[in-house]
Amino acid sequence: MNKFNPRKLQLSKWTACAPTDREKHFLVTKLLCDEEGTPIQVELEAVYSARVAVFDWRELRDSKHWKMGWC
């Protein structure tokens, strides 16, 4: 399990453990929060293709799918 503060995810770097379409490295470009400022989702941008995907921020805690930083 990856441990991190969800409020500090903005511009953090992530590596997919099982890359698809050569998309291995990702950057958190947006942190989507509710009205109270609680993080709900993150917007990840693939470095290779610039494709953007929106995920629940809790998915990044799964160390079987994501690693912190660029490996």
PDB file of N, CA and C in Angstrom:
ATOM      1  N   MET A   1       0.846  -1.181   0.000  1.00  0.00           N
ATOM      2  CA  MET A   1       0.000   0.000   0.000  1.00  0.00           C
ATOM      3  C   MET A   1       0.890   1.242   0.000  1.00  0.00           C
ATOM      4  N   ASN A   2       0.653   2.135  -0.945  1.00  0.00           N
ATOM      5  CA  ASN A   2       1.353   3.409  -1.006  1.00  0.00           C
ATOM      6  C   ASN A   2       0.733   4.360   0.003  1.00  0.00           C
ATOM      7  N   LYS A   3       1.557   5.005   0.813  1.00  0.00           N
ATOM      8  CA  LYS A   3       1.061   5.953   1.811  1.00  0.00           C
ATOM      9  C   LYS A   3       1.425   7.363   1.364  1.00  0.00           C
ATOM     10  N   PHE A   4       0.430   8.252   1.365  1.00  0.00           N
ATOM     11  CA  PHE A   4       0.643   9.636   0.974  1.00  0.00           C
ATOM     12  C   PHE A   4      -0.513  10.488   1.465  1.00  0.00           C
ATOM     13  N   ASN A   5      -0.317  11.795   1.466  1.00  0.00           N
ATOM     14  CA  ASN A   5      -1.355  12.748   1.828  1.00  0.00           C
ATOM     15  C   ASN A   5      -2.123  13.095   0.550  1.00  0.00           C
ATOM     16  N   PRO A   6      -3.431  12.812   0.476  1.00  0.00           N
ATOM     17  CA  PRO A   6      -4.171  13.056  -0.768  1.00  0.00           C
ATOM     18  C   PRO A   6      -4.210  14.528  -1.170  1.00  0.00           C
ATOM     19  N   ARG A   7      -4.041  15.436  -0.237  1.00  0.00           N
ATOM     20  CA  ARG A   7      -4.058  16.865  -0.583  1.00  0.00           C
ATOM     21  C   ARG A   7      -2.777  17.304  -1.290  1.00  0.00           C
ATOM     22  N   LYS A   8      -1.743  16.487  -1.245  1.00  0.00           N
ATOM     23  CA  LYS A   8      -0.468  16.840  -1.869  1.00  0.00           C
ATOM     24  C   LYS A   8      -0.207  16.063  -3.156  1.00  0.00           C
ATOM     25  N   LEU A   9      -1.254  15.582  -3.781  1.00  0.00           N
ATOM     26  CA  LEU A   9      -1.111  14.801  -5.010  1.00  0.00           C
ATOM     27  C   LEU A   9      -0.846  15.657  -6.239  1.00  0.00           C
ATOM     28  N   GLN A  10      -1.206  16.923  -6.201  1.00  0.00           N
ATOM     29  CA  GLN A  10      -1.045  17.814  -7.360  1.00  0.00           C
ATOM     30  C   GLN A  10       0.397  17.771  -7.856  1.00  0.00           C
ATOM     31  N   LEU A  11       0.592  17.504  -9.140  1.00  0.00           N
ATOM     32  CA  LEU A  11       1.875  17.431  -9.834  1.00  0.00           C
ATOM     33  C   LEU A  11       2.784  16.305  -9.348  1.00  0.00           C
ATOM     34  N   SER A  12       2.228  15.294  -8.677  1.00  0.00           N
ATOM     35  CA  SER A  12       3.034  14.146  -8.280  1.00  0.00           C
ATOM     36  C   SER A  12       3.203  13.201  -9.471  1.00  0.00           C
ATOM     37  N   LYS A  13       4.254  12.386  -9.424  1.00  0.00           N
ATOM     38  CA  LYS A  13       4.601  11.487 -10.522  1.00  0.00           C
ATOM     39  C   LYS A  13       4.304  10.051 -10.107  1.00  0.00           C
ATOM     40  N   TRP A  14       3.786   9.266 -11.070  1.00  0.00           N
ATOM     41  CA  TRP A  14       3.392   7.885 -10.811  1.00  0.00           C
ATOM     42  C   TRP A  14       3.825   6.993 -11.967  1.00  0.00           C
ATOM     43  N   THR A  15       4.134   5.733 -11.647  1.00  0.00           N
ATOM     44  CA  THR A  15       4.494   4.733 -12.639  1.00  0.00           C
ATOM     45  C   THR A  15       3.486   3.597 -12.585  1.00  0.00           C
ATOM     46  N   ALA A  16       2.947   3.239 -13.739  1.00  0.00           N
ATOM     47  CA  ALA A  16       2.015   2.113 -13.816  1.00  0.00           C
ATOM     48  C   ALA A  16       2.808   0.813 -13.768  1.00  0.00           C
ATOM     49  N   CYS A  17       2.376  -0.132 -12.959  1.00  0.00           N
ATOM     50  CA  CYS A  17       3.060  -1.432 -12.852  1.00  0.00           C
ATOM     51  C   CYS A  17       2.799  -2.305 -14.071  1.00  0.00           C
ATOM     52  N   ALA A  18       1.649  -2.119 -14.707  1.00  0.00           N
ATOM     53  CA  ALA A  18       1.307  -2.868 -15.920  1.00  0.00           C
ATOM     54  C   ALA A  18       0.955  -1.863 -17.023  1.00  0.00           C
ATOM     55  N   PRO A  19       1.970  -1.297 -17.683  1.00  0.00           N
ATOM     56  CA  PRO A  19       1.717  -0.276 -18.701  1.00  0.00           C
ATOM     57  C   PRO A  19       0.924  -0.802 -19.894  1.00  0.00           C
ATOM     58  N   THR A  20       0.084   0.049 -20.450  1.00  0.00           N
ATOM     59  CA  THR A  20      -0.657  -0.271 -21.665  1.00  0.00           C
ATOM     60  C   THR A  20      -0.382   0.805 -22.698  1.00  0.00           C
ATOM     61  N   ASP A  21      -0.233   0.414 -23.937  1.00  0.00           N
ATOM     62  CA  ASP A  21       0.041   1.338 -25.054  1.00  0.00           C
ATOM     63  C   ASP A  21       1.248   2.236 -24.784  1.00  0.00           C
ATOM     64  N   ARG A  22       2.291   1.656 -24.173  1.00  0.00           N
ATOM     65  CA  ARG A  22       3.540   2.362 -23.869  1.00  0.00           C
ATOM     66  C   ARG A  22       3.354   3.503 -22.867  1.00  0.00           C
ATOM     67  N   GLU A  23       2.225   3.541 -22.203  1.00  0.00           N
ATOM     68  CA  GLU A  23       1.968   4.580 -21.202  1.00  0.00           C
ATOM     69  C   GLU A  23       2.357   4.026 -19.831  1.00  0.00           C
ATOM     70  N   LYS A  24       3.524   4.422 -19.381  1.00  0.00           N
ATOM     71  CA  LYS A  24       4.051   3.928 -18.124  1.00  0.00           C
ATOM     72  C   LYS A  24       4.129   5.033 -17.079  1.00  0.00           C
ATOM     73  N   HIS A  25       4.545   6.210 -17.479  1.00  0.00           N
ATOM     74  CA  HIS A  25       4.726   7.320 -16.556  1.00  0.00           C
ATOM     75  C   HIS A  25       3.561   8.304 -16.650  1.00  0.00           C
ATOM     76  N   PHE A  26       3.099   8.728 -15.476  1.00  0.00           N
ATOM     77  CA  PHE A  26       1.948   9.617 -15.389  1.00  0.00           C
ATOM     78  C   PHE A  26       2.237  10.771 -14.434  1.00  0.00           C
ATOM     79  N   LEU A  27       1.532  11.874 -14.654  1.00  0.00           N
ATOM     80  CA  LEU A  27       1.640  13.065 -13.820  1.00  0.00           C
ATOM     81  C   LEU A  27       0.235  13.469 -13.395  1.00  0.00           C
ATOM     82  N   VAL A  28       0.048  13.756 -12.113  1.00  0.00           N
ATOM     83  CA  VAL A  28      -1.254  14.220 -11.627  1.00  0.00           C
ATOM     84  C   VAL A  28      -1.371  15.692 -12.009  1.00  0.00           C
ATOM     85  N   THR A  29      -2.255  16.009 -12.933  1.00  0.00           N
ATOM     86  CA  THR A  29      -2.403  17.383 -13.402  1.00  0.00           C
ATOM     87  C   THR A  29      -3.489  18.144 -12.664  1.00  0.00           C
ATOM     88  N   LYS A  30      -4.468  17.435 -12.098  1.00  0.00           N
ATOM     89  CA  LYS A  30      -5.560  18.088 -11.381  1.00  0.00           C
ATOM     90  C   LYS A  30      -5.997  17.230 -10.213  1.00  0.00           C
ATOM     91  N   LEU A  31      -6.357  17.894  -9.140  1.00  0.00           N
ATOM     92  CA  LEU A  31      -6.941  17.239  -7.983  1.00  0.00           C
ATOM     93  C   LEU A  31      -8.372  17.752  -7.886  1.00  0.00           C
ATOM     94  N   LEU A  32      -9.335  16.878  -8.119  1.00  0.00           N
ATOM     95  CA  LEU A  32     -10.744  17.259  -8.112  1.00  0.00           C
ATOM     96  C   LEU A  32     -11.317  17.050  -6.711  1.00  0.00           C
ATOM     97  N   CYS A  33     -11.836  18.141  -6.112  1.00  0.00           N
ATOM     98  CA  CYS A  33     -12.320  18.116  -4.737  1.00  0.00           C
ATOM     99  C   CYS A  33     -13.805  18.455  -4.690  1.00  0.00           C
ATOM    100  N   ASP A  34     -14.436  18.093  -3.571  1.00  0.00           N
ATOM    101  CA  ASP A  34     -15.832  18.457  -3.364  1.00  0.00           C
ATOM    102  C   ASP A  34     -15.906  19.874  -2.798  1.00  0.00           C
ATOM    103  N   GLU A  35     -17.104  20.305  -2.402  1.00  0.00           N
ATOM    104  CA  GLU A  35     -17.318  21.659  -1.915  1.00  0.00           C
ATOM    105  C   GLU A  35     -16.535  21.948  -0.631  1.00  0.00           C
ATOM    106  N   GLU A  36     -16.272  20.915   0.151  1.00  0.00           N
ATOM    107  CA  GLU A  36     -15.569  21.088   1.419  1.00  0.00           C
ATOM    108  C   GLU A  36     -14.053  21.038   1.252  1.00  0.00           C
ATOM    109  N   GLY A  37     -13.574  20.768   0.057  1.00  0.00           N
ATOM    110  CA  GLY A  37     -12.150  20.694  -0.205  1.00  0.00           C
ATOM    111  C   GLY A  37     -11.564  19.312  -0.021  1.00  0.00           C
ATOM    112  N   THR A  38     -12.415  18.313   0.160  1.00  0.00           N
ATOM    113  CA  THR A  38     -11.960  16.941   0.304  1.00  0.00           C
ATOM    114  C   THR A  38     -11.680  16.343  -1.072  1.00  0.00           C
ATOM    115  N   PRO A  39     -10.486  15.801  -1.293  1.00  0.00           N
ATOM    116  CA  PRO A  39     -10.167  15.203  -2.601  1.00  0.00           C
ATOM    117  C   PRO A  39     -11.100  14.032  -2.931  1.00  0.00           C
ATOM    118  N   ILE A  40     -11.544  13.997  -4.184  1.00  0.00           N
ATOM    119  CA  ILE A  40     -12.424  12.930  -4.652  1.00  0.00           C
ATOM    120  C   ILE A  40     -11.743  12.144  -5.765  1.00  0.00           C
ATOM    121  N   GLN A  41     -11.221  12.862  -6.759  1.00  0.00           N
ATOM    122  CA  GLN A  41     -10.613  12.219  -7.922  1.00  0.00           C
ATOM    123  C   GLN A  41      -9.339  12.957  -8.313  1.00  0.00           C
ATOM    124  N   VAL A  42      -8.511  12.268  -9.098  1.00  0.00           N
ATOM    125  CA  VAL A  42      -7.316  12.874  -9.667  1.00  0.00           C
ATOM    126  C   VAL A  42      -7.371  12.732 -11.185  1.00  0.00           C
ATOM    127  N   GLU A  43      -6.782  13.675 -11.844  1.00  0.00           N
ATOM    128  CA  GLU A  43      -6.670  13.631 -13.305  1.00  0.00           C
ATOM    129  C   GLU A  43      -5.225  13.299 -13.623  1.00  0.00           C
ATOM    130  N   LEU A  44      -5.000  12.141 -14.229  1.00  0.00           N
ATOM    131  CA  LEU A  44      -3.658  11.690 -14.580  1.00  0.00           C
ATOM    132  C   LEU A  44      -3.412  11.904 -16.069  1.00  0.00           C
ATOM    133  N   GLU A  45      -2.236  12.428 -16.387  1.00  0.00           N
ATOM    134  CA  GLU A  45      -1.855  12.629 -17.786  1.00  0.00           C
ATOM    135  C   GLU A  45      -0.658  11.744 -18.096  1.00  0.00           C
ATOM    136  N   ALA A  46      -0.782  10.945 -19.141  1.00  0.00           N
ATOM    137  CA  ALA A  46       0.317  10.082 -19.572  1.00  0.00           C
ATOM    138  C   ALA A  46       1.403  10.947 -20.207  1.00  0.00           C
ATOM    139  N   VAL A  47       2.631  10.739 -19.802  1.00  0.00           N
ATOM    140  CA  VAL A  47       3.741  11.531 -20.323  1.00  0.00           C
ATOM    141  C   VAL A  47       4.005  11.197 -21.780  1.00  0.00           C
ATOM    142  N   TYR A  48       3.900   9.947 -22.150  1.00  0.00           N
ATOM    143  CA  TYR A  48       4.209   9.493 -23.512  1.00  0.00           C
ATOM    144  C   TYR A  48       3.202  10.019 -24.539  1.00  0.00           C
ATOM    145  N   SER A  49       1.914   9.927 -24.226  1.00  0.00           N
ATOM    146  CA  SER A  49       0.897  10.253 -25.222  1.00  0.00           C
ATOM    147  C   SER A  49       0.052  11.475 -24.881  1.00  0.00           C
ATOM    148  N   ALA A  50       0.200  12.019 -23.686  1.00  0.00           N
ATOM    149  CA  ALA A  50      -0.588  13.159 -23.210  1.00  0.00           C
ATOM    150  C   ALA A  50      -2.076  12.829 -23.061  1.00  0.00           C
ATOM    151  N   ARG A  51      -2.398  11.529 -23.016  1.00  0.00           N
ATOM    152  CA  ARG A  51      -3.778  11.112 -22.784  1.00  0.00           C
ATOM    153  C   ARG A  51      -4.130  11.402 -21.336  1.00  0.00           C
ATOM    154  N   VAL A  52      -5.349  11.862 -21.094  1.00  0.00           N
ATOM    155  CA  VAL A  52      -5.799  12.213 -19.750  1.00  0.00           C
ATOM    156  C   VAL A  52      -6.870  11.227 -19.304  1.00  0.00           C
ATOM    157  N   ALA A  53      -6.762  10.783 -18.054  1.00  0.00           N
ATOM    158  CA  ALA A  53      -7.747   9.872 -17.468  1.00  0.00           C
ATOM    159  C   ALA A  53      -8.058  10.352 -16.052  1.00  0.00           C
ATOM    160  N   VAL A  54      -9.298  10.156 -15.629  1.00  0.00           N
ATOM    161  CA  VAL A  54      -9.727  10.555 -14.287  1.00  0.00           C
ATOM    162  C   VAL A  54      -9.958   9.291 -13.465  1.00  0.00           C
ATOM    163  N   PHE A  55      -9.348   9.261 -12.264  1.00  0.00           N
ATOM    164  CA  PHE A  55      -9.445   8.121 -11.361  1.00  0.00           C
ATOM    165  C   PHE A  55      -9.844   8.595  -9.969  1.00  0.00           C
ATOM    166  N   ASP A  56     -10.385   7.666  -9.188  1.00  0.00           N
ATOM    167  CA  ASP A  56     -10.564   7.910  -7.762  1.00  0.00           C
ATOM    168  C   ASP A  56      -9.155   7.933  -7.170  1.00  0.00           C
ATOM    169  N   TRP A  57      -8.831   8.897  -6.326  1.00  0.00           N
ATOM    170  CA  TRP A  57      -7.474   9.032  -5.807  1.00  0.00           C
ATOM    171  C   TRP A  57      -7.050   7.814  -4.997  1.00  0.00           C
ATOM    172  N   ARG A  58      -7.998   7.067  -4.463  1.00  0.00           N
ATOM    173  CA  ARG A  58      -7.683   5.896  -3.642  1.00  0.00           C
ATOM    174  C   ARG A  58      -7.058   4.763  -4.462  1.00  0.00           C
ATOM    175  N   GLU A  59      -7.277   4.774  -5.775  1.00  0.00           N
ATOM    176  CA  GLU A  59      -6.683   3.748  -6.639  1.00  0.00           C
ATOM    177  C   GLU A  59      -5.158   3.841  -6.643  1.00  0.00           C
ATOM    178  N   LEU A  60      -4.613   5.024  -6.406  1.00  0.00           N
ATOM    179  CA  LEU A  60      -3.164   5.200  -6.388  1.00  0.00           C
ATOM    180  C   LEU A  60      -2.528   4.546  -5.167  1.00  0.00           C
ATOM    181  N   ARG A  61      -3.312   4.208  -4.170  1.00  0.00           N
ATOM    182  CA  ARG A  61      -2.779   3.550  -2.971  1.00  0.00           C
ATOM    183  C   ARG A  61      -2.448   2.083  -3.224  1.00  0.00           C
ATOM    184  N   ASP A  62      -2.990   1.499  -4.281  1.00  0.00           N
ATOM    185  CA  ASP A  62      -2.765   0.088  -4.581  1.00  0.00           C
ATOM    186  C   ASP A  62      -1.372  -0.086  -5.196  1.00  0.00           C
ATOM    187  N   SER A  63      -0.435  -0.609  -4.416  1.00  0.00           N
ATOM    188  CA  SER A  63       0.941  -0.746  -4.883  1.00  0.00           C
ATOM    189  C   SER A  63       1.102  -1.855  -5.929  1.00  0.00           C
ATOM    190  N   LYS A  64       0.066  -2.645  -6.153  1.00  0.00           N
ATOM    191  CA  LYS A  64       0.119  -3.651  -7.210  1.00  0.00           C
ATOM    192  C   LYS A  64      -0.083  -3.019  -8.582  1.00  0.00           C
ATOM    193  N   HIS A  65      -0.705  -1.835  -8.626  1.00  0.00           N
ATOM    194  CA  HIS A  65      -0.982  -1.159  -9.894  1.00  0.00           C
ATOM    195  C   HIS A  65      -0.168   0.115 -10.091  1.00  0.00           C
ATOM    196  N   TRP A  66       0.223   0.783  -9.009  1.00  0.00           N
ATOM    197  CA  TRP A  66       0.909   2.071  -9.095  1.00  0.00           C
ATOM    198  C   TRP A  66       2.115   2.130  -8.168  1.00  0.00           C
ATOM    199  N   LYS A  67       3.176   2.777  -8.651  1.00  0.00           N
ATOM    200  CA  LYS A  67       4.352   3.064  -7.835  1.00  0.00           C
ATOM    201  C   LYS A  67       4.548   4.573  -7.812  1.00  0.00           C
ATOM    202  N   MET A  68       4.946   5.092  -6.658  1.00  0.00           N
ATOM    203  CA  MET A  68       5.219   6.527  -6.553  1.00  0.00           C
ATOM    204  C   MET A  68       6.511   6.867  -7.283  1.00  0.00           C
ATOM    205  N   GLY A  69       6.508   7.990  -7.966  1.00  0.00           N
ATOM    206  CA  GLY A  69       7.673   8.431  -8.718  1.00  0.00           C
ATOM    207  C   GLY A  69       7.758   7.760 -10.073  1.00  0.00           C
ATOM    208  N   TRP A  70       8.811   8.100 -10.814  1.00  0.00           N
ATOM    209  CA  TRP A  70       9.039   7.495 -12.118  1.00  0.00           C
ATOM    210  C   TRP A  70      10.171   6.495 -11.993  1.00  0.00           C
ATOM    211  N   CYS A  71       9.861   5.249 -12.178  1.00  0.00           N
ATOM    212  CA  CYS A  71      10.866   4.171 -12.044  1.00  0.00           C
ATOM    213  C   CYS A  71      11.342   3.724 -13.400  1.00  0.00           C
TER     214      CYS A  71
END
